[in-house]
Amino acid sequence: MSDPRVAAIPVQDCGKDLVDIRVSGAFLVDERKHDPNGHYAHLRQGVLDRLQHAQQLLPSGLRLLIVEGYRPPALQRAYFEEYAAELRHANPDWNDSHIREAASRFVSPPQIAPHSTGAAVDLTLADQEGLEVDMGTRMNASPEESNGACYTHADTITLVARSHRDTLCRAMSAAGFVNYSTEWWHFSRGCRYWAFSTNQPAAIYGPLERP
């Protein structure tokens, strides 16, 4: 996300509204990122439509478990600054530029963060009982905590976890999403990172504030 080419992508917002993914009852929605205003359970309508398609592509017995969608810019900024502070404490010899670049591999800089556009979703797979399946690491495990196993294509996870990650990636990719390769759980459609990854001339969703 620290690549200046991502920030250089223009935004031509299509104006799709944020919608509450809980209303339809089509998805399992986890409460771990719950906030008083329900921000976490909102996505752009176009993103939600593609999520429904992705779920239909999953093998029998598996469902998407949605953990976090929209993230207000102020919260994104707090996440970024908190992680940057952790890196600065652990690496006192790193300069500010190095800290920012390293932090951006795991937490998007606020000005380009896909979550703050309503175009990104953190999710995993669940079985018929609604229990999370083995994905190799917990969701939101940092590169330091997981020794790099949080990277989507890490070769240090079990064959079972690899199979589950591949299943998730196939369904999401077929529905038009792109994965952020340092986070197996993070997918987006329509943001600047998506536009950069798919050679689109512009993003169709930009940052927004939800009342």
N, C-alpha and C. Protein backbone atom coordinates (compact mmCIF):
# COMPACT_ATOMS: atom_id res chain seq x y z
N MET A 1 0.81 -1.22 0.00
CA MET A 1 0.00 0.00 0.00
C MET A 1 0.85 1.27 0.00
N SER A 2 2.12 1.14 0.36
CA SER A 2 2.98 2.33 0.39
C SER A 2 3.46 2.71 -1.00
N ASP A 3 3.21 1.88 -2.00
CA ASP A 3 3.63 2.17 -3.37
C ASP A 3 2.97 3.47 -3.84
N PRO A 4 3.75 4.48 -4.23
CA PRO A 4 3.17 5.75 -4.65
C PRO A 4 2.24 5.62 -5.86
N ARG A 5 2.39 4.54 -6.61
CA ARG A 5 1.51 4.34 -7.76
C ARG A 5 0.07 4.06 -7.33
N VAL A 6 -0.11 3.51 -6.14
CA VAL A 6 -1.46 3.29 -5.63
C VAL A 6 -2.11 4.63 -5.30
N ALA A 7 -1.39 5.49 -4.58
CA ALA A 7 -1.92 6.80 -4.21
C ALA A 7 -2.18 7.67 -5.44
N ALA A 8 -1.47 7.40 -6.54
CA ALA A 8 -1.63 8.21 -7.75
C ALA A 8 -2.87 7.85 -8.56
N ILE A 9 -3.51 6.73 -8.23
CA ILE A 9 -4.71 6.33 -8.96
C ILE A 9 -5.83 7.34 -8.70
N PRO A 10 -6.44 7.90 -9.74
CA PRO A 10 -7.56 8.82 -9.51
C PRO A 10 -8.81 8.09 -9.04
N VAL A 11 -9.71 8.83 -8.44
CA VAL A 11 -10.98 8.27 -7.98
C VAL A 11 -12.13 8.90 -8.75
N GLN A 12 -12.95 8.07 -9.33
CA GLN A 12 -14.18 8.51 -9.98
C GLN A 12 -15.33 7.78 -9.30
N ASP A 13 -15.73 8.29 -8.15
CA ASP A 13 -16.69 7.58 -7.30
C ASP A 13 -18.04 7.44 -8.00
N CYS A 14 -18.52 6.20 -8.03
CA CYS A 14 -19.78 5.92 -8.72
C CYS A 14 -21.01 6.27 -7.88
N GLY A 15 -20.79 6.59 -6.61
CA GLY A 15 -21.89 7.05 -5.77
C GLY A 15 -22.74 5.97 -5.13
N LYS A 16 -22.34 4.71 -5.23
CA LYS A 16 -23.10 3.64 -4.58
C LYS A 16 -23.10 3.86 -3.07
N ASP A 17 -24.24 3.65 -2.45
CA ASP A 17 -24.37 3.87 -1.01
C ASP A 17 -23.75 2.75 -0.20
N LEU A 18 -23.46 3.07 1.06
CA LEU A 18 -23.11 2.04 2.03
C LEU A 18 -24.40 1.38 2.51
N VAL A 19 -24.38 0.06 2.60
CA VAL A 19 -25.57 -0.67 3.06
C VAL A 19 -25.16 -1.62 4.18
N ASP A 20 -26.11 -1.94 5.03
CA ASP A 20 -25.88 -2.83 6.17
C ASP A 20 -25.97 -4.28 5.69
N ILE A 21 -24.88 -5.01 5.81
CA ILE A 21 -24.85 -6.38 5.30
C ILE A 21 -25.67 -7.33 6.17
N ARG A 22 -26.09 -6.88 7.35
CA ARG A 22 -26.86 -7.75 8.24
C ARG A 22 -28.33 -7.83 7.87
N VAL A 23 -28.80 -6.88 7.09
CA VAL A 23 -30.23 -6.78 6.81
C VAL A 23 -30.76 -7.99 6.06
N SER A 24 -30.05 -8.45 5.06
CA SER A 24 -30.55 -9.54 4.22
C SER A 24 -30.51 -10.89 4.92
N GLY A 25 -29.62 -11.03 5.90
CA GLY A 25 -29.46 -12.32 6.56
C GLY A 25 -28.73 -13.35 5.72
N ALA A 26 -28.14 -12.92 4.61
CA ALA A 26 -27.48 -13.85 3.70
C ALA A 26 -26.10 -14.28 4.19
N PHE A 27 -25.53 -13.49 5.13
CA PHE A 27 -24.17 -13.76 5.55
C PHE A 27 -24.07 -14.01 7.05
N LEU A 28 -23.07 -14.79 7.43
CA LEU A 28 -22.67 -14.86 8.82
C LEU A 28 -21.84 -13.61 9.10
N VAL A 29 -22.17 -12.87 10.14
CA VAL A 29 -21.45 -11.64 10.48
C VAL A 29 -20.91 -11.78 11.89
N ASP A 30 -19.59 -11.70 12.01
CA ASP A 30 -18.92 -11.83 13.30
C ASP A 30 -18.99 -10.51 14.05
N GLU A 31 -18.98 -10.59 15.37
CA GLU A 31 -19.13 -9.39 16.20
C GLU A 31 -17.81 -8.86 16.75
N ARG A 32 -16.68 -9.46 16.41
CA ARG A 32 -15.43 -9.08 17.07
C ARG A 32 -15.00 -7.65 16.77
N LYS A 33 -15.46 -7.09 15.65
CA LYS A 33 -15.12 -5.70 15.32
C LYS A 33 -16.32 -4.77 15.51
N HIS A 34 -17.29 -5.23 16.27
CA HIS A 34 -18.50 -4.45 16.50
C HIS A 34 -18.16 -3.07 17.06
N ASP A 35 -18.85 -2.05 16.58
CA ASP A 35 -18.72 -0.70 17.11
C ASP A 35 -20.13 -0.16 17.33
N PRO A 36 -20.30 0.84 18.20
CA PRO A 36 -21.65 1.32 18.55
C PRO A 36 -22.47 1.79 17.36
N ASN A 37 -21.82 2.26 16.31
CA ASN A 37 -22.54 2.77 15.15
C ASN A 37 -22.72 1.74 14.04
N GLY A 38 -22.21 0.55 14.26
CA GLY A 38 -22.37 -0.51 13.26
C GLY A 38 -21.60 -0.27 11.98
N HIS A 39 -20.56 0.55 12.02
CA HIS A 39 -19.78 0.83 10.82
C HIS A 39 -19.24 -0.46 10.20
N TYR A 40 -18.75 -1.34 11.06
CA TYR A 40 -18.07 -2.56 10.60
C TYR A 40 -18.92 -3.43 9.68
N ALA A 41 -20.24 -3.31 9.82
CA ALA A 41 -21.16 -4.17 9.07
C ALA A 41 -21.72 -3.49 7.82
N HIS A 42 -21.03 -2.50 7.31
CA HIS A 42 -21.47 -1.79 6.11
C HIS A 42 -20.46 -1.95 4.98
N LEU A 43 -21.00 -2.03 3.76
CA LEU A 43 -20.20 -2.08 2.54
C LEU A 43 -20.96 -1.35 1.44
N ARG A 44 -20.25 -0.96 0.40
CA ARG A 44 -20.93 -0.40 -0.76
C ARG A 44 -21.84 -1.46 -1.38
N GLN A 45 -22.95 -1.01 -1.93
CA GLN A 45 -23.92 -1.95 -2.50
C GLN A 45 -23.30 -2.84 -3.57
N GLY A 46 -22.46 -2.27 -4.42
CA GLY A 46 -21.83 -3.07 -5.47
C GLY A 46 -20.90 -4.14 -4.93
N VAL A 47 -20.25 -3.84 -3.81
CA VAL A 47 -19.37 -4.82 -3.18
C VAL A 47 -20.19 -5.94 -2.56
N LEU A 48 -21.29 -5.59 -1.94
CA LEU A 48 -22.18 -6.58 -1.33
C LEU A 48 -22.73 -7.54 -2.39
N ASP A 49 -23.10 -7.00 -3.53
CA ASP A 49 -23.62 -7.84 -4.61
C ASP A 49 -22.60 -8.89 -5.03
N ARG A 50 -21.35 -8.48 -5.10
CA ARG A 50 -20.29 -9.43 -5.51
C ARG A 50 -19.97 -10.42 -4.40
N LEU A 51 -20.13 -10.02 -3.17
CA LEU A 51 -19.95 -10.96 -2.07
C LEU A 51 -20.99 -12.08 -2.13
N GLN A 52 -22.21 -11.71 -2.47
CA GLN A 52 -23.26 -12.72 -2.60
C GLN A 52 -22.89 -13.72 -3.68
N HIS A 53 -22.32 -13.23 -4.77
CA HIS A 53 -21.89 -14.13 -5.84
C HIS A 53 -20.75 -15.04 -5.36
N ALA A 54 -19.80 -14.48 -4.63
CA ALA A 54 -18.68 -15.27 -4.12
C ALA A 54 -19.18 -16.40 -3.22
N GLN A 55 -20.15 -16.09 -2.37
CA GLN A 55 -20.66 -17.12 -1.47
C GLN A 55 -21.30 -18.27 -2.25
N GLN A 56 -21.97 -17.95 -3.34
CA GLN A 56 -22.60 -18.98 -4.16
C GLN A 56 -21.57 -19.89 -4.83
N LEU A 57 -20.34 -19.42 -4.95
CA LEU A 57 -19.29 -20.20 -5.61
C LEU A 57 -18.56 -21.14 -4.65
N LEU A 58 -18.83 -21.03 -3.37
CA LEU A 58 -18.15 -21.87 -2.39
C LEU A 58 -18.66 -23.31 -2.44
N PRO A 59 -17.81 -24.26 -2.08
CA PRO A 59 -18.25 -25.66 -2.01
C PRO A 59 -19.33 -25.83 -0.94
N SER A 60 -20.13 -26.85 -1.10
CA SER A 60 -21.17 -27.15 -0.11
C SER A 60 -20.54 -27.33 1.27
N GLY A 61 -21.19 -26.75 2.27
CA GLY A 61 -20.70 -26.88 3.64
C GLY A 61 -19.85 -25.73 4.12
N LEU A 62 -19.55 -24.78 3.23
CA LEU A 62 -18.76 -23.61 3.62
C LEU A 62 -19.54 -22.33 3.36
N ARG A 63 -19.34 -21.34 4.22
CA ARG A 63 -19.96 -20.02 4.07
C ARG A 63 -18.93 -18.95 4.38
N LEU A 64 -19.17 -17.77 3.85
CA LEU A 64 -18.35 -16.63 4.21
C LEU A 64 -18.72 -16.16 5.61
N LEU A 65 -17.72 -15.80 6.38
CA LEU A 65 -17.92 -15.19 7.69
C LEU A 65 -17.32 -13.79 7.62
N ILE A 66 -18.18 -12.79 7.62
CA ILE A 66 -17.75 -11.40 7.47
C ILE A 66 -17.34 -10.84 8.83
N VAL A 67 -16.15 -10.25 8.90
CA VAL A 67 -15.65 -9.71 10.16
C VAL A 67 -15.64 -8.18 10.17
N GLU A 68 -15.20 -7.55 9.08
CA GLU A 68 -15.17 -6.09 9.07
C GLU A 68 -15.25 -5.57 7.64
N GLY A 69 -16.11 -4.58 7.46
CA GLY A 69 -16.22 -3.92 6.17
C GLY A 69 -15.73 -2.48 6.27
N TYR A 70 -16.68 -1.55 6.29
CA TYR A 70 -16.33 -0.12 6.34
C TYR A 70 -15.63 0.23 7.64
N ARG A 71 -14.62 1.09 7.51
CA ARG A 71 -13.86 1.57 8.66
C ARG A 71 -13.72 3.09 8.53
N PRO A 72 -14.25 3.88 9.45
CA PRO A 72 -14.14 5.34 9.36
C PRO A 72 -12.69 5.79 9.25
N PRO A 73 -12.41 6.85 8.50
CA PRO A 73 -11.03 7.32 8.34
C PRO A 73 -10.31 7.57 9.66
N ALA A 74 -11.01 8.08 10.66
CA ALA A 74 -10.37 8.35 11.94
C ALA A 74 -9.90 7.06 12.61
N LEU A 75 -10.68 6.01 12.49
CA LEU A 75 -10.29 4.73 13.07
C LEU A 75 -9.13 4.12 12.30
N GLN A 76 -9.15 4.27 10.98
CA GLN A 76 -8.04 3.78 10.16
C GLN A 76 -6.74 4.48 10.55
N ARG A 77 -6.82 5.78 10.76
CA ARG A 77 -5.65 6.56 11.16
C ARG A 77 -5.11 6.07 12.51
N ALA A 78 -6.02 5.77 13.43
CA ALA A 78 -5.60 5.28 14.75
C ALA A 78 -4.91 3.93 14.63
N TYR A 79 -5.45 3.04 13.79
CA TYR A 79 -4.82 1.73 13.60
C TYR A 79 -3.41 1.88 13.02
N PHE A 80 -3.29 2.76 12.03
CA PHE A 80 -1.99 2.94 11.37
C PHE A 80 -0.96 3.50 12.35
N GLU A 81 -1.36 4.51 13.09
CA GLU A 81 -0.42 5.15 14.02
C GLU A 81 -0.03 4.20 15.16
N GLU A 82 -0.97 3.36 15.60
CA GLU A 82 -0.67 2.41 16.66
C GLU A 82 0.36 1.38 16.19
N TYR A 83 0.16 0.85 14.97
CA TYR A 83 1.10 -0.14 14.47
C TYR A 83 2.46 0.50 14.18
N ALA A 84 2.46 1.71 13.64
CA ALA A 84 3.72 2.41 13.38
C ALA A 84 4.49 2.63 14.69
N ALA A 85 3.77 2.94 15.76
CA ALA A 85 4.41 3.14 17.06
C ALA A 85 5.04 1.83 17.57
N GLU A 86 4.35 0.71 17.34
CA GLU A 86 4.91 -0.59 17.73
C GLU A 86 6.21 -0.86 16.98
N LEU A 87 6.21 -0.59 15.68
CA LEU A 87 7.41 -0.81 14.88
C LEU A 87 8.54 0.12 15.31
N ARG A 88 8.21 1.35 15.62
CA ARG A 88 9.22 2.33 16.03
C ARG A 88 9.86 1.91 17.36
N HIS A 89 9.04 1.38 18.25
CA HIS A 89 9.56 0.92 19.55
C HIS A 89 10.48 -0.28 19.37
N ALA A 90 10.08 -1.20 18.47
CA ALA A 90 10.87 -2.42 18.26
C ALA A 90 12.11 -2.18 17.41
N ASN A 91 12.11 -1.07 16.64
CA ASN A 91 13.21 -0.81 15.71
C ASN A 91 13.63 0.66 15.82
N PRO A 92 14.26 1.04 16.91
CA PRO A 92 14.59 2.45 17.14
C PRO A 92 15.55 3.04 16.11
N ASP A 93 16.24 2.20 15.34
CA ASP A 93 17.18 2.71 14.35
C ASP A 93 16.50 3.01 13.01
N TRP A 94 15.22 2.68 12.85
CA TRP A 94 14.51 2.95 11.60
C TRP A 94 14.10 4.42 11.54
N ASN A 95 14.24 5.03 10.35
CA ASN A 95 13.78 6.41 10.19
C ASN A 95 12.27 6.41 9.87
N ASP A 96 11.69 7.61 9.81
CA ASP A 96 10.24 7.73 9.62
C ASP A 96 9.79 7.12 8.30
N SER A 97 10.59 7.27 7.25
CA SER A 97 10.22 6.72 5.95
C SER A 97 10.15 5.20 5.99
N HIS A 98 11.14 4.62 6.66
CA HIS A 98 11.17 3.15 6.79
C HIS A 98 10.01 2.66 7.63
N ILE A 99 9.69 3.37 8.70
CA ILE A 99 8.56 3.00 9.55
C ILE A 99 7.27 3.03 8.76
N ARG A 100 7.08 4.09 7.97
CA ARG A 100 5.84 4.21 7.19
C ARG A 100 5.72 3.09 6.17
N GLU A 101 6.81 2.80 5.50
CA GLU A 101 6.78 1.73 4.49
C GLU A 101 6.47 0.39 5.12
N ALA A 102 7.13 0.09 6.25
CA ALA A 102 6.90 -1.18 6.92
C ALA A 102 5.48 -1.28 7.47
N ALA A 103 4.99 -0.20 8.04
CA ALA A 103 3.64 -0.20 8.60
C ALA A 103 2.60 -0.39 7.50
N SER A 104 2.87 0.16 6.31
CA SER A 104 1.92 0.10 5.20
C SER A 104 1.75 -1.30 4.63
N ARG A 105 2.68 -2.20 4.95
CA ARG A 105 2.52 -3.57 4.46
C ARG A 105 1.39 -4.29 5.18
N PHE A 106 1.07 -3.83 6.39
CA PHE A 106 0.05 -4.50 7.18
C PHE A 106 -1.17 -3.63 7.45
N VAL A 107 -0.99 -2.32 7.59
CA VAL A 107 -2.11 -1.40 7.81
C VAL A 107 -2.03 -0.31 6.76
N SER A 108 -3.10 -0.12 6.02
CA SER A 108 -3.09 0.86 4.93
C SER A 108 -2.97 2.28 5.46
N PRO A 109 -2.16 3.12 4.79
CA PRO A 109 -2.13 4.54 5.14
C PRO A 109 -3.54 5.12 5.04
N PRO A 110 -3.93 5.99 5.95
CA PRO A 110 -5.31 6.48 6.00
C PRO A 110 -5.83 7.06 4.69
N GLN A 111 -4.99 7.76 3.95
CA GLN A 111 -5.48 8.45 2.77
C GLN A 111 -5.83 7.53 1.61
N ILE A 112 -5.37 6.28 1.65
CA ILE A 112 -5.68 5.36 0.55
C ILE A 112 -6.32 4.07 1.04
N ALA A 113 -6.70 4.02 2.30
CA ALA A 113 -7.19 2.77 2.90
C ALA A 113 -8.46 2.26 2.23
N PRO A 114 -8.44 1.04 1.71
CA PRO A 114 -9.64 0.47 1.08
C PRO A 114 -10.84 0.38 2.02
N HIS A 115 -10.61 0.05 3.30
CA HIS A 115 -11.73 -0.07 4.22
C HIS A 115 -12.51 1.23 4.37
N SER A 116 -11.82 2.35 4.28
CA SER A 116 -12.49 3.64 4.47
C SER A 116 -13.29 4.08 3.25
N THR A 117 -13.25 3.28 2.19
CA THR A 117 -14.08 3.54 1.00
C THR A 117 -15.33 2.68 1.01
N GLY A 118 -15.41 1.71 1.92
CA GLY A 118 -16.52 0.77 1.91
C GLY A 118 -16.37 -0.29 0.84
N ALA A 119 -15.16 -0.41 0.29
CA ALA A 119 -14.91 -1.33 -0.82
C ALA A 119 -14.08 -2.54 -0.42
N ALA A 120 -13.73 -2.65 0.86
CA ALA A 120 -12.88 -3.74 1.33
C ALA A 120 -13.58 -4.50 2.44
N VAL A 121 -13.26 -5.78 2.51
CA VAL A 121 -13.88 -6.61 3.54
C VAL A 121 -12.84 -7.59 4.08
N ASP A 122 -12.84 -7.75 5.40
CA ASP A 122 -12.04 -8.78 6.06
C ASP A 122 -12.98 -9.93 6.36
N LEU A 123 -12.62 -11.13 5.90
CA LEU A 123 -13.53 -12.26 6.05
C LEU A 123 -12.76 -13.56 6.08
N THR A 124 -13.46 -14.60 6.47
CA THR A 124 -12.88 -15.94 6.51
C THR A 124 -13.95 -16.93 6.11
N LEU A 125 -13.68 -18.22 6.28
CA LEU A 125 -14.64 -19.27 5.97
C LEU A 125 -15.14 -19.91 7.25
N ALA A 126 -16.40 -20.32 7.21
CA ALA A 126 -16.99 -21.04 8.34
C ALA A 126 -17.66 -22.30 7.83
N ASP A 127 -17.80 -23.29 8.73
CA ASP A 127 -18.46 -24.55 8.35
C ASP A 127 -19.96 -24.43 8.56
N GLN A 128 -20.67 -25.56 8.42
CA GLN A 128 -22.12 -25.54 8.52
C GLN A 128 -22.62 -25.10 9.88
N GLU A 129 -21.79 -25.29 10.92
CA GLU A 129 -22.18 -24.87 12.27
C GLU A 129 -21.79 -23.42 12.56
N GLY A 130 -21.21 -22.75 11.57
CA GLY A 130 -20.80 -21.37 11.75
C GLY A 130 -19.46 -21.20 12.42
N LEU A 131 -18.70 -22.29 12.55
CA LEU A 131 -17.39 -22.23 13.18
C LEU A 131 -16.31 -21.97 12.15
N GLU A 132 -15.36 -21.12 12.48
CA GLU A 132 -14.26 -20.81 11.58
C GLU A 132 -13.43 -22.05 11.28
N VAL A 133 -13.03 -22.18 10.03
CA VAL A 133 -12.16 -23.30 9.66
C VAL A 133 -10.70 -22.85 9.80
N ASP A 134 -9.80 -23.80 9.71
CA ASP A 134 -8.37 -23.52 9.87
C ASP A 134 -7.84 -22.78 8.65
N MET A 135 -7.36 -21.55 8.86
CA MET A 135 -6.78 -20.75 7.78
C MET A 135 -5.29 -20.52 7.98
N GLY A 136 -4.71 -21.15 8.97
CA GLY A 136 -3.26 -21.05 9.17
C GLY A 136 -2.82 -20.07 10.22
N THR A 137 -3.54 -18.96 10.37
CA THR A 137 -3.29 -17.98 11.43
C THR A 137 -4.64 -17.41 11.84
N ARG A 138 -4.65 -16.73 12.96
CA ARG A 138 -5.84 -15.99 13.31
C ARG A 138 -5.96 -14.81 12.36
N MET A 139 -7.17 -14.31 12.17
CA MET A 139 -7.34 -13.10 11.38
C MET A 139 -6.67 -11.92 12.08
N ASN A 140 -6.05 -11.05 11.30
CA ASN A 140 -5.35 -9.86 11.77
C ASN A 140 -4.04 -10.17 12.49
N ALA A 141 -3.52 -11.39 12.32
CA ALA A 141 -2.19 -11.68 12.84
C ALA A 141 -1.17 -10.88 12.03
N SER A 142 -0.29 -10.18 12.71
CA SER A 142 0.70 -9.36 12.02
C SER A 142 1.82 -10.24 11.47
N PRO A 143 2.62 -9.71 10.53
CA PRO A 143 3.77 -10.47 10.04
C PRO A 143 4.73 -10.85 11.16
N GLU A 144 4.89 -9.97 12.15
CA GLU A 144 5.81 -10.26 13.26
C GLU A 144 5.26 -11.39 14.13
N GLU A 145 3.99 -11.31 14.45
CA GLU A 145 3.36 -12.32 15.31
C GLU A 145 3.35 -13.70 14.65
N SER A 146 3.03 -13.73 13.35
CA SER A 146 2.84 -15.00 12.65
C SER A 146 4.09 -15.49 11.92
N ASN A 147 5.17 -14.73 12.04
CA ASN A 147 6.40 -15.07 11.31
C ASN A 147 6.14 -15.19 9.81
N GLY A 148 5.30 -14.29 9.32
CA GLY A 148 5.02 -14.25 7.89
C GLY A 148 3.91 -15.18 7.42
N ALA A 149 3.34 -15.98 8.32
CA ALA A 149 2.29 -16.92 7.91
C ALA A 149 0.99 -16.22 7.56
N CYS A 150 0.85 -14.94 7.90
CA CYS A 150 -0.34 -14.19 7.52
C CYS A 150 -0.35 -13.86 6.03
N TYR A 151 0.81 -13.95 5.38
CA TYR A 151 0.86 -13.69 3.94
C TYR A 151 0.03 -14.77 3.24
N THR A 152 -0.75 -14.36 2.28
CA THR A 152 -1.71 -15.26 1.64
C THR A 152 -1.06 -16.54 1.13
N HIS A 153 0.09 -16.41 0.51
CA HIS A 153 0.73 -17.57 -0.11
C HIS A 153 1.92 -18.09 0.70
N ALA A 154 1.89 -17.88 2.01
CA ALA A 154 2.95 -18.38 2.88
C ALA A 154 3.07 -19.89 2.74
N ASP A 155 4.30 -20.39 2.75
CA ASP A 155 4.53 -21.82 2.58
C ASP A 155 4.77 -22.54 3.90
N THR A 156 4.45 -21.87 5.01
CA THR A 156 4.69 -22.46 6.32
C THR A 156 3.42 -22.95 7.00
N ILE A 157 2.30 -22.92 6.30
CA ILE A 157 1.03 -23.36 6.89
C ILE A 157 0.74 -24.80 6.48
N THR A 158 -0.22 -25.42 7.13
CA THR A 158 -0.56 -26.82 6.86
C THR A 158 -1.28 -26.94 5.52
N LEU A 159 -1.35 -28.16 5.02
CA LEU A 159 -2.05 -28.41 3.76
C LEU A 159 -3.54 -28.11 3.89
N VAL A 160 -4.10 -28.37 5.06
CA VAL A 160 -5.52 -28.08 5.28
C VAL A 160 -5.77 -26.58 5.20
N ALA A 161 -4.94 -25.80 5.88
CA ALA A 161 -5.08 -24.34 5.85
C ALA A 161 -4.85 -23.81 4.44
N ARG A 162 -3.88 -24.37 3.73
CA ARG A 162 -3.62 -23.95 2.35
C ARG A 162 -4.83 -24.21 1.47
N SER A 163 -5.47 -25.37 1.65
CA SER A 163 -6.66 -25.69 0.86
C SER A 163 -7.79 -24.69 1.14
N HIS A 164 -7.97 -24.32 2.40
CA HIS A 164 -9.02 -23.36 2.75
C HIS A 164 -8.72 -21.98 2.17
N ARG A 165 -7.47 -21.55 2.24
CA ARG A 165 -7.12 -20.25 1.67
C ARG A 165 -7.35 -20.25 0.15
N ASP A 166 -6.96 -21.33 -0.49
CA ASP A 166 -7.14 -21.41 -1.95
C ASP A 166 -8.62 -21.38 -2.31
N THR A 167 -9.45 -22.05 -1.54
CA THR A 167 -10.90 -22.05 -1.78
C THR A 167 -11.46 -20.64 -1.66
N LEU A 168 -11.07 -19.94 -0.61
CA LEU A 168 -11.54 -18.57 -0.41
C LEU A 168 -11.08 -17.67 -1.55
N CYS A 169 -9.81 -17.77 -1.91
CA CYS A 169 -9.27 -16.91 -2.96
C CYS A 169 -9.93 -17.17 -4.31
N ARG A 170 -10.20 -18.42 -4.62
CA ARG A 170 -10.84 -18.74 -5.90
C ARG A 170 -12.22 -18.11 -6.00
N ALA A 171 -13.00 -18.26 -4.95
CA ALA A 171 -14.36 -17.71 -4.96
C ALA A 171 -14.35 -16.19 -5.03
N MET A 172 -13.50 -15.56 -4.24
CA MET A 172 -13.46 -14.10 -4.22
C MET A 172 -12.91 -13.54 -5.52
N SER A 173 -11.89 -14.18 -6.07
CA SER A 173 -11.33 -13.74 -7.35
C SER A 173 -12.35 -13.86 -8.47
N ALA A 174 -13.07 -14.97 -8.49
CA ALA A 174 -14.08 -15.18 -9.54
C ALA A 174 -15.20 -14.16 -9.45
N ALA A 175 -15.41 -13.61 -8.25
CA ALA A 175 -16.45 -12.59 -8.06
C ALA A 175 -15.92 -11.18 -8.29
N GLY A 176 -14.65 -11.05 -8.66
CA GLY A 176 -14.11 -9.75 -9.02
C GLY A 176 -13.29 -9.04 -7.97
N PHE A 177 -12.99 -9.72 -6.87
CA PHE A 177 -12.19 -9.11 -5.81
C PHE A 177 -10.70 -9.37 -6.02
N VAL A 178 -9.88 -8.51 -5.39
CA VAL A 178 -8.45 -8.74 -5.34
C VAL A 178 -8.05 -8.89 -3.87
N ASN A 179 -7.07 -9.74 -3.64
CA ASN A 179 -6.57 -9.96 -2.29
C ASN A 179 -5.33 -9.11 -2.05
N TYR A 180 -5.18 -8.65 -0.82
CA TYR A 180 -3.95 -7.96 -0.43
C TYR A 180 -3.02 -9.02 0.11
N SER A 181 -1.90 -9.23 -0.55
CA SER A 181 -1.11 -10.45 -0.37
C SER A 181 -0.45 -10.62 0.99
N THR A 182 -0.40 -9.59 1.82
CA THR A 182 0.15 -9.76 3.17
C THR A 182 -0.93 -10.12 4.18
N GLU A 183 -2.18 -10.17 3.74
CA GLU A 183 -3.30 -10.48 4.64
C GLU A 183 -4.25 -11.44 3.92
N TRP A 184 -4.24 -12.70 4.26
CA TRP A 184 -5.07 -13.68 3.55
C TRP A 184 -6.55 -13.36 3.65
N TRP A 185 -6.97 -12.59 4.65
CA TRP A 185 -8.38 -12.31 4.92
C TRP A 185 -8.91 -11.06 4.23
N HIS A 186 -8.05 -10.27 3.62
CA HIS A 186 -8.45 -8.95 3.11
C HIS A 186 -8.68 -8.97 1.60
N PHE A 187 -9.90 -8.58 1.20
CA PHE A 187 -10.25 -8.52 -0.22
C PHE A 187 -10.95 -7.19 -0.51
N SER A 188 -10.77 -6.70 -1.72
CA SER A 188 -11.42 -5.44 -2.08
C SER A 188 -11.84 -5.43 -3.54
N ARG A 189 -12.76 -4.53 -3.83
CA ARG A 189 -13.25 -4.35 -5.19
C ARG A 189 -13.66 -2.89 -5.36
N GLY A 190 -12.98 -2.18 -6.25
CA GLY A 190 -13.37 -0.82 -6.57
C GLY A 190 -12.51 0.27 -5.97
N CYS A 191 -11.60 -0.07 -5.04
CA CYS A 191 -10.74 0.93 -4.41
C CYS A 191 -9.50 1.19 -5.27
N ARG A 192 -8.63 2.07 -4.80
CA ARG A 192 -7.40 2.37 -5.54
C ARG A 192 -6.51 1.15 -5.68
N TYR A 193 -6.39 0.35 -4.62
CA TYR A 193 -5.55 -0.83 -4.71
C TYR A 193 -6.09 -1.82 -5.75
N TRP A 194 -7.39 -1.98 -5.78
CA TRP A 194 -8.01 -2.83 -6.81
C TRP A 194 -7.71 -2.29 -8.20
N ALA A 195 -7.85 -0.98 -8.38
CA ALA A 195 -7.59 -0.38 -9.70
C ALA A 195 -6.14 -0.58 -10.11
N PHE A 196 -5.22 -0.39 -9.16
CA PHE A 196 -3.80 -0.61 -9.44
C PHE A 196 -3.52 -2.06 -9.82
N SER A 197 -4.11 -2.98 -9.07
CA SER A 197 -3.85 -4.40 -9.26
C SER A 197 -4.44 -4.95 -10.56
N THR A 198 -5.50 -4.32 -11.04
CA THR A 198 -6.20 -4.82 -12.22
C THR A 198 -6.03 -3.89 -13.44
N ASN A 199 -5.12 -2.93 -13.31
CA ASN A 199 -4.82 -2.00 -14.42
C ASN A 199 -6.04 -1.21 -14.88
N GLN A 200 -6.86 -0.79 -13.91
CA GLN A 200 -8.00 0.05 -14.22
C GLN A 200 -7.57 1.52 -14.22
N PRO A 201 -8.20 2.37 -15.02
CA PRO A 201 -7.79 3.78 -15.08
C PRO A 201 -8.12 4.58 -13.83
N ALA A 202 -9.10 4.12 -13.05
CA ALA A 202 -9.52 4.87 -11.86
C ALA A 202 -10.22 3.94 -10.87
N ALA A 203 -10.22 4.36 -9.62
CA ALA A 203 -11.01 3.67 -8.61
C ALA A 203 -12.45 4.13 -8.73
N ILE A 204 -13.40 3.26 -8.40
CA ILE A 204 -14.81 3.64 -8.47
C ILE A 204 -15.40 3.94 -7.09
N TYR A 205 -14.58 3.71 -6.05
CA TYR A 205 -15.00 4.06 -4.68
C TYR A 205 -13.87 4.82 -4.00
N GLY A 206 -14.21 5.97 -3.43
CA GLY A 206 -13.22 6.75 -2.70
C GLY A 206 -13.58 6.82 -1.22
N PRO A 207 -12.69 7.38 -0.39
CA PRO A 207 -12.96 7.50 1.04
C PRO A 207 -14.23 8.29 1.32
N LEU A 208 -14.92 7.90 2.35
CA LEU A 208 -16.14 8.63 2.71
C LEU A 208 -16.38 8.53 4.21
N GLU A 209 -17.14 9.49 4.72
CA GLU A 209 -17.52 9.51 6.12
C GLU A 209 -18.96 9.02 6.22
N ARG A 210 -19.19 8.09 7.13
CA ARG A 210 -20.54 7.61 7.37
C ARG A 210 -21.06 8.27 8.64
N PRO A 211 -22.24 8.90 8.58
CA PRO A 211 -22.78 9.56 9.78
C PRO A 211 -22.95 8.57 10.93
